[in-house]
């Protein structure tokens, strides 16, 4: 790692701080998601069972959250080691990093379709498109999830190929391989440039895609809240009875959807700005990727907590478990 002119790293997180923060966050998050899996596999008697596509959306969010933090724990083991491009560890490290980014990106769009699903469930459809969407929400969500994953998978493959080419030719090709014929050097250099261009194109295609996802997510949640407020007001004015617990549940999942959109704005802003900053300050800006990984780790943890707050199947079970735990320790003290 090359220091800057003053001998001080501008943006760097020590391996000790990285481990202290992320080991606790990763273990806590994994345990929470294992608890969520238990809640889905063994639901309580009485509450409404999860229906599709809600069940698959929650399952995907749980899987993505666990996968992200498994990758984070692998990074913690490496400490502040920066692998040389010609080493096998370099390629393995970047493949794990791309796996983490792939799961994080698919998690973002899964939250988007969760918001769209609740919008269709809560807000009455009036226009022909929304009527069709509400009637075919399951097929629409399934298709959208498949398209999302194919889109991000293409980015994953192009990134792995790009880092694989860096691994094979880490330095200037002619200097690192002086015995290669000129034609082979030119062909390899052209291949590297094509992969680099594809890597950059994929990077900038994801930018408007995430902006569109955030816009749709915020729009659907805001429209749902406006409808619920108007609905509650009309019910009060007409003195008609309405199910308060149901409205509270609908309002809760909508508010947590807006909170999730804010979390995604913060996390996506950092991830999008990370690329240009690393090109501008290649040796001074987060050289060991600790800050980058910590931002993703904290985002995933906050998303897990937000999911728990919004989903009654998790929240009620967690409250009951906490009450039983408090009662158990109270009994022991007595």
Protein backbone atom coordinates (compact mmCIF):
# COMPACT_ATOMS: atom_id res chain seq x y z
CA UNK A 1 0.00 0.00 0.00
CA UNK A 2 1.52 3.30 -1.06
CA UNK A 3 1.16 6.21 1.35
CA UNK A 4 0.14 9.65 0.25
CA UNK A 5 2.49 12.59 0.05
CA UNK A 6 2.15 13.44 3.73
CA UNK A 7 2.63 9.81 4.78
CA UNK A 8 -0.92 9.62 6.15
CA UNK A 9 -3.74 7.53 4.71
CA UNK A 10 -6.70 9.74 3.91
CA UNK A 11 -9.47 7.15 4.33
CA UNK A 12 -8.53 3.92 5.98
CA UNK A 13 -10.03 1.66 8.65
CA UNK A 14 -7.64 -0.42 10.72
CA UNK A 15 -7.97 -4.19 10.67
CA UNK A 16 -8.60 -4.19 14.44
CA UNK A 17 -11.50 -1.73 14.17
CA UNK A 18 -12.82 -3.63 11.16
CA UNK A 19 -12.83 -6.89 13.10
CA UNK A 20 -14.32 -5.38 16.27
CA UNK A 21 -17.25 -3.88 14.40
CA UNK A 22 -17.97 -6.52 11.80
CA UNK A 23 -17.56 -9.73 13.81
CA UNK A 24 -20.23 -8.58 16.26
CA UNK A 25 -22.49 -7.26 13.48
CA UNK A 26 -22.11 -10.39 11.34
CA UNK A 27 -22.71 -12.86 14.17
CA UNK A 28 -25.71 -10.90 15.47
CA UNK A 29 -27.18 -10.58 11.98
CA UNK A 30 -26.71 -14.27 11.15
CA UNK A 31 -28.35 -15.30 14.43
CA UNK A 32 -31.28 -12.97 13.76
CA UNK A 33 -31.80 -14.39 10.30
CA UNK A 34 -31.61 -17.95 11.60
CA UNK A 35 -34.35 -16.91 14.03
CA UNK A 36 -36.37 -15.59 11.08
CA UNK A 37 -35.95 -18.92 9.29
CA UNK A 38 -37.22 -20.68 12.41
CA UNK A 39 -40.25 -18.37 12.49
CA UNK A 40 -41.06 -19.14 8.85
CA UNK A 41 -40.55 -22.90 9.14
CA UNK A 42 -42.42 -23.19 12.47
CA UNK A 43 -45.05 -20.40 12.46
CA UNK A 44 -47.14 -19.75 15.55
CA UNK A 45 -50.65 -21.09 15.70
CA UNK A 46 -53.26 -18.43 15.04
CA UNK A 47 -51.59 -15.68 12.98
CA UNK A 48 -52.13 -15.60 9.27
CA UNK A 49 -49.73 -17.81 7.35
CA UNK A 50 -47.41 -16.26 4.81
CA UNK A 51 -48.61 -16.47 1.22
CA UNK A 52 -46.73 -16.22 -2.03
CA UNK A 53 -45.01 -14.13 -3.25
CA UNK A 54 -44.42 -12.68 0.24
CA UNK A 55 -42.91 -15.91 1.49
CA UNK A 56 -40.33 -16.15 -1.28
CA UNK A 57 -39.45 -12.44 -0.96
CA UNK A 58 -38.78 -12.79 2.77
CA UNK A 59 -36.83 -16.00 2.16
CA UNK A 60 -34.61 -14.31 -0.42
CA UNK A 61 -33.96 -11.34 1.86
CA UNK A 62 -32.94 -13.68 4.68
CA UNK A 63 -30.63 -15.70 2.42
CA UNK A 64 -28.99 -12.57 1.01
CA UNK A 65 -28.41 -11.14 4.47
CA UNK A 66 -26.72 -14.32 5.70
CA UNK A 67 -24.57 -14.60 2.55
CA UNK A 68 -23.35 -10.99 2.85
CA UNK A 69 -22.18 -11.47 6.42
CA UNK A 70 -20.51 -14.81 5.70
CA UNK A 71 -18.43 -12.93 3.11
CA UNK A 72 -17.71 -10.20 5.67
CA UNK A 73 -16.42 -12.79 8.16
CA UNK A 74 -14.09 -14.16 5.47
CA UNK A 75 -12.75 -10.65 4.91
CA UNK A 76 -12.15 -10.25 8.64
CA UNK A 77 -9.86 -13.28 8.56
CA UNK A 78 -7.65 -11.60 5.97
CA UNK A 79 -7.06 -8.59 8.22
CA UNK A 80 -5.23 -5.82 6.37
CA UNK A 81 -3.54 -8.11 3.85
CA UNK A 82 -3.54 -6.68 0.32
CA UNK A 83 -2.93 -9.51 -2.12
CA UNK A 84 -0.63 -9.07 -5.08
CA UNK A 85 -2.50 -9.33 -8.40
CA UNK A 86 -0.47 -12.32 -9.51
CA UNK A 87 -1.38 -14.35 -6.40
CA UNK A 88 -4.22 -16.88 -6.38
CA UNK A 89 -5.62 -15.19 -3.25
CA UNK A 90 -6.17 -12.00 -5.26
CA UNK A 91 -8.67 -13.68 -7.57
CA UNK A 92 -10.37 -15.59 -4.74
CA UNK A 93 -10.73 -12.40 -2.70
CA UNK A 94 -12.38 -10.53 -5.57
CA UNK A 95 -14.70 -13.43 -6.39
CA UNK A 96 -15.89 -13.39 -2.75
CA UNK A 97 -16.28 -9.61 -2.98
CA UNK A 98 -18.38 -9.95 -6.13
CA UNK A 99 -20.53 -12.62 -4.44
CA UNK A 100 -21.14 -10.18 -1.59
CA UNK A 101 -22.05 -7.38 -4.01
CA UNK A 102 -24.30 -9.68 -6.05
CA UNK A 103 -26.28 -10.73 -2.97
CA UNK A 104 -26.48 -7.14 -1.70
CA UNK A 105 -27.78 -5.88 -5.05
CA UNK A 106 -30.41 -8.62 -5.30
CA UNK A 107 -31.43 -7.81 -1.73
CA UNK A 108 -32.02 -4.17 -2.74
CA UNK A 109 -34.38 -5.13 -5.56
CA UNK A 110 -36.11 -7.73 -3.38
CA UNK A 111 -37.01 -4.91 -0.98
CA UNK A 112 -38.31 -2.98 -3.98
CA UNK A 113 -40.69 -5.76 -5.04
CA UNK A 114 -41.75 -6.21 -1.42
CA UNK A 115 -42.90 -2.57 -1.41
CA UNK A 116 -44.69 -3.03 -4.75
CA UNK A 117 -46.40 -6.15 -3.38
CA UNK A 118 -47.73 -4.27 -0.33
CA UNK A 119 -48.84 -1.38 -2.52
CA UNK A 120 -50.93 -3.77 -4.61
CA UNK A 121 -52.35 -5.42 -1.49
CA UNK A 122 -53.35 -2.19 0.28
CA UNK A 123 -54.21 0.45 -2.33
CA UNK A 124 -57.32 -0.21 -4.48
CA UNK A 125 -56.46 -0.41 -8.18
CA UNK A 126 -58.24 2.10 -10.39
CA UNK A 127 -56.26 2.22 -13.64
CA UNK A 128 -56.08 -0.70 -16.03
CA UNK A 129 -52.33 -1.28 -15.52
CA UNK A 130 -52.65 -1.42 -11.72
CA UNK A 131 -55.69 -3.69 -12.01
CA UNK A 132 -53.67 -6.06 -14.17
CA UNK A 133 -50.70 -5.79 -11.78
CA UNK A 134 -52.83 -6.60 -8.75
CA UNK A 135 -54.40 -9.61 -10.47
CA UNK A 136 -51.01 -10.93 -11.63
CA UNK A 137 -48.79 -9.79 -8.76
CA UNK A 138 -47.37 -13.25 -8.12
CA UNK A 139 -46.27 -13.83 -11.72
CA UNK A 140 -45.02 -10.25 -11.97
CA UNK A 141 -42.84 -10.55 -8.86
CA UNK A 142 -41.44 -13.91 -9.95
CA UNK A 143 -40.56 -12.54 -13.39
CA UNK A 144 -39.02 -9.40 -11.91
CA UNK A 145 -36.88 -11.43 -9.50
CA UNK A 146 -35.59 -13.61 -12.34
CA UNK A 147 -34.80 -10.58 -14.52
CA UNK A 148 -33.02 -8.84 -11.64
CA UNK A 149 -30.82 -11.83 -10.98
CA UNK A 150 -29.96 -12.31 -14.64
CA UNK A 151 -29.03 -8.63 -14.89
CA UNK A 152 -26.80 -8.72 -11.80
CA UNK A 153 -25.40 -12.11 -12.80
CA UNK A 154 -24.12 -10.62 -16.06
CA UNK A 155 -22.34 -7.95 -14.02
CA UNK A 156 -20.95 -10.60 -11.69
CA UNK A 157 -19.55 -12.62 -14.61
CA UNK A 158 -18.00 -9.58 -16.31
CA UNK A 159 -16.38 -8.48 -13.04
CA UNK A 160 -14.93 -11.95 -12.38
CA UNK A 161 -13.54 -12.09 -15.94
CA UNK A 162 -12.03 -8.62 -15.49
CA UNK A 163 -10.29 -9.50 -12.23
CA UNK A 164 -9.22 -12.81 -13.72
CA UNK A 165 -7.47 -10.92 -16.50
CA UNK A 166 -5.78 -8.66 -13.95
CA UNK A 167 -4.66 -11.79 -12.11
CA UNK A 168 -3.16 -13.26 -15.27
CA UNK A 169 -1.50 -10.01 -16.30
CA UNK A 170 -1.13 -7.84 -13.19
CA UNK A 171 1.43 -5.38 -14.53
CA UNK A 172 2.28 -4.07 -17.94
CA UNK A 173 1.96 -7.11 -20.20
CA UNK A 174 5.14 -6.50 -22.15
CA UNK A 175 7.21 -5.91 -19.00
CA UNK A 176 5.77 -8.84 -17.04
CA UNK A 177 5.98 -11.23 -20.02
CA UNK A 178 8.94 -10.11 -22.17
CA UNK A 179 9.06 -13.44 -24.01
CA UNK A 180 5.52 -13.20 -25.36
CA UNK A 181 5.27 -12.47 -29.10
CA UNK A 182 4.07 -8.99 -29.98
CA UNK A 183 0.87 -10.34 -31.55
CA UNK A 184 -0.03 -12.25 -28.36
CA UNK A 185 0.76 -9.21 -26.22
CA UNK A 186 -1.48 -7.05 -28.40
CA UNK A 187 -4.29 -9.60 -28.31
CA UNK A 188 -4.06 -9.91 -24.53
CA UNK A 189 -3.95 -6.14 -24.12
CA UNK A 190 -7.02 -5.76 -26.36
CA UNK A 191 -8.87 -8.42 -24.34
CA UNK A 192 -8.02 -6.59 -21.12
CA UNK A 193 -9.30 -3.30 -22.54
CA UNK A 194 -12.55 -4.91 -23.67
CA UNK A 195 -13.11 -6.46 -20.24
CA UNK A 196 -12.31 -3.16 -18.56
CA UNK A 197 -14.74 -1.30 -20.82
CA UNK A 198 -17.42 -3.92 -20.08
CA UNK A 199 -16.71 -3.60 -16.34
CA UNK A 200 -17.14 0.20 -16.52
CA UNK A 201 -20.31 -0.07 -18.65
CA UNK A 202 -21.87 -2.50 -16.17
CA UNK A 203 -20.95 -0.14 -13.35
CA UNK A 204 -22.73 2.83 -14.92
CA UNK A 205 -25.74 0.81 -16.10
CA UNK A 206 -26.42 -0.17 -12.49
CA UNK A 207 -26.47 3.51 -11.50
CA UNK A 208 -29.74 4.51 -13.28
CA UNK A 209 -31.19 1.09 -12.45
CA UNK A 210 -30.74 1.71 -8.74
CA UNK A 211 -32.10 5.26 -9.10
CA UNK A 212 -35.20 3.90 -10.82
CA UNK A 213 -35.59 1.23 -8.12
CA UNK A 214 -35.38 3.81 -5.35
CA UNK A 215 -37.87 6.08 -7.12
CA UNK A 216 -40.41 3.26 -7.55
CA UNK A 217 -39.90 2.13 -3.97
CA UNK A 218 -40.39 5.61 -2.51
CA UNK A 219 -43.34 6.32 -4.81
CA UNK A 220 -45.16 3.09 -3.90
CA UNK A 221 -44.63 3.57 -0.16
CA UNK A 222 -45.58 7.26 -0.18
CA UNK A 223 -48.70 6.50 -2.24
CA UNK A 224 -49.64 3.78 0.24
CA UNK A 225 -49.23 6.09 3.24
CA UNK A 226 -51.30 8.83 1.60
CA UNK A 227 -54.04 6.32 0.85
CA UNK A 228 -54.04 4.95 4.41
CA UNK A 229 -54.23 8.43 5.94
CA UNK A 230 -57.06 9.39 3.61
CA UNK A 231 -58.82 6.10 4.31
CA UNK A 232 -58.55 6.51 8.10
CA UNK A 233 -59.81 10.09 7.90
CA UNK A 234 -62.81 9.13 5.78
CA UNK A 235 -63.66 6.33 8.20
CA UNK A 236 -63.58 8.69 11.17
CA UNK A 237 -65.63 11.35 9.40
CA UNK A 238 -68.30 8.84 8.41
CA UNK A 239 -68.26 7.18 11.84
CA UNK A 240 -67.85 3.79 10.19
CA UNK A 241 -66.00 1.07 12.02
CA UNK A 242 -62.66 -0.12 10.77
CA UNK A 243 -60.07 -2.65 11.84
CA UNK A 244 -57.46 -0.64 13.74
CA UNK A 245 -54.95 -3.53 14.11
CA UNK A 246 -55.06 -4.14 10.37
CA UNK A 247 -54.52 -0.47 9.55
CA UNK A 248 -51.67 -0.32 12.05
CA UNK A 249 -50.05 -3.32 10.38
CA UNK A 250 -50.45 -1.79 6.94
CA UNK A 251 -49.04 1.53 8.15
CA UNK A 252 -46.12 -0.23 9.83
CA UNK A 253 -45.02 -2.17 6.75
CA UNK A 254 -45.31 1.00 4.68
CA UNK A 255 -43.25 3.12 7.08
CA UNK A 256 -40.57 0.43 7.29
CA UNK A 257 -40.56 0.43 3.47
CA UNK A 258 -39.73 4.15 3.47
CA UNK A 259 -37.03 3.58 6.11
CA UNK A 260 -35.59 0.84 3.88
CA UNK A 261 -35.51 3.22 0.92
CA UNK A 262 -33.58 5.76 3.01
CA UNK A 263 -31.10 3.06 4.05
CA UNK A 264 -30.63 2.11 0.41
CA UNK A 265 -30.04 5.73 -0.59
CA UNK A 266 -27.27 6.05 2.02
CA UNK A 267 -25.63 2.73 1.15
CA UNK A 268 -25.95 3.14 -2.63
CA UNK A 269 -24.52 6.67 -2.47
CA UNK A 270 -21.37 5.35 -0.83
CA UNK A 271 -21.03 2.37 -3.18
CA UNK A 272 -21.55 4.49 -6.30
CA UNK A 273 -19.05 7.13 -5.15
CA UNK A 274 -16.51 4.46 -4.15
CA UNK A 275 -15.49 3.73 -7.75
CA UNK A 276 -14.60 7.30 -8.81
CA UNK A 277 -12.84 7.95 -5.48
CA UNK A 278 -10.71 4.84 -5.86
CA UNK A 279 -9.73 5.93 -9.36
CA UNK A 280 -8.84 9.40 -8.09
CA UNK A 281 -7.03 8.22 -4.94
CA UNK A 282 -6.02 4.65 -5.80
CA UNK A 283 -3.52 4.20 -2.94
CA UNK A 284 -5.08 6.45 -0.31
CA UNK A 285 -8.80 5.69 -0.37
CA UNK A 286 -9.83 2.59 1.58
CA UNK A 287 -7.01 0.43 0.13
CA UNK A 288 -8.01 -2.75 2.01
CA UNK A 289 -11.79 -2.25 1.41
CA UNK A 290 -12.59 -2.20 5.13
CA UNK A 291 -14.80 0.92 5.00
CA UNK A 292 -16.59 -0.37 1.90
CA UNK A 293 -17.33 -3.73 3.52
CA UNK A 294 -18.39 -2.10 6.81
CA UNK A 295 -20.92 0.15 5.04
CA UNK A 296 -22.49 -2.92 3.40
CA UNK A 297 -22.39 -4.83 6.69
CA UNK A 298 -24.14 -2.06 8.65
CA UNK A 299 -26.67 -1.55 5.86
CA UNK A 300 -27.54 -5.25 5.91
CA UNK A 301 -27.88 -5.23 9.70
CA UNK A 302 -30.19 -2.20 9.64
CA UNK A 303 -32.23 -3.84 6.88
CA UNK A 304 -32.60 -6.97 9.02
CA UNK A 305 -33.78 -4.94 12.02
CA UNK A 306 -36.15 -3.00 9.80
CA UNK A 307 -37.52 -6.24 8.36
CA UNK A 308 -38.14 -7.52 11.88
CA UNK A 309 -40.02 -4.33 12.77
CA UNK A 310 -42.21 -4.51 9.66
CA UNK A 311 -43.13 -8.18 9.61
CA UNK A 312 -45.47 -9.35 12.37
CA UNK A 313 -44.39 -12.98 11.97
CA UNK A 314 -40.91 -11.97 13.16
CA UNK A 315 -41.78 -9.09 15.49
CA UNK A 316 -44.39 -10.90 17.58
CA UNK A 317 -42.22 -13.99 17.90
CA UNK A 318 -39.25 -11.85 18.99
CA UNK A 319 -41.39 -10.02 21.57
CA UNK A 320 -42.69 -13.31 22.94
CA UNK A 321 -39.18 -14.76 23.13
CA UNK A 322 -37.93 -11.66 24.95
CA UNK A 323 -40.80 -11.77 27.44
CA UNK A 324 -40.14 -15.43 28.18
CA UNK A 325 -36.43 -14.71 28.62
CA UNK A 326 -37.14 -11.86 31.06
CA UNK A 327 -39.62 -14.03 32.94
CA UNK A 328 -37.06 -16.86 33.15
CA UNK A 329 -34.34 -14.63 34.65
CA UNK A 330 -36.87 -13.02 36.99
CA UNK A 331 -37.80 -16.47 38.26
CA UNK A 332 -34.13 -17.30 38.80
CA UNK A 333 -33.57 -14.11 40.84
CA UNK A 334 -36.61 -14.86 42.98
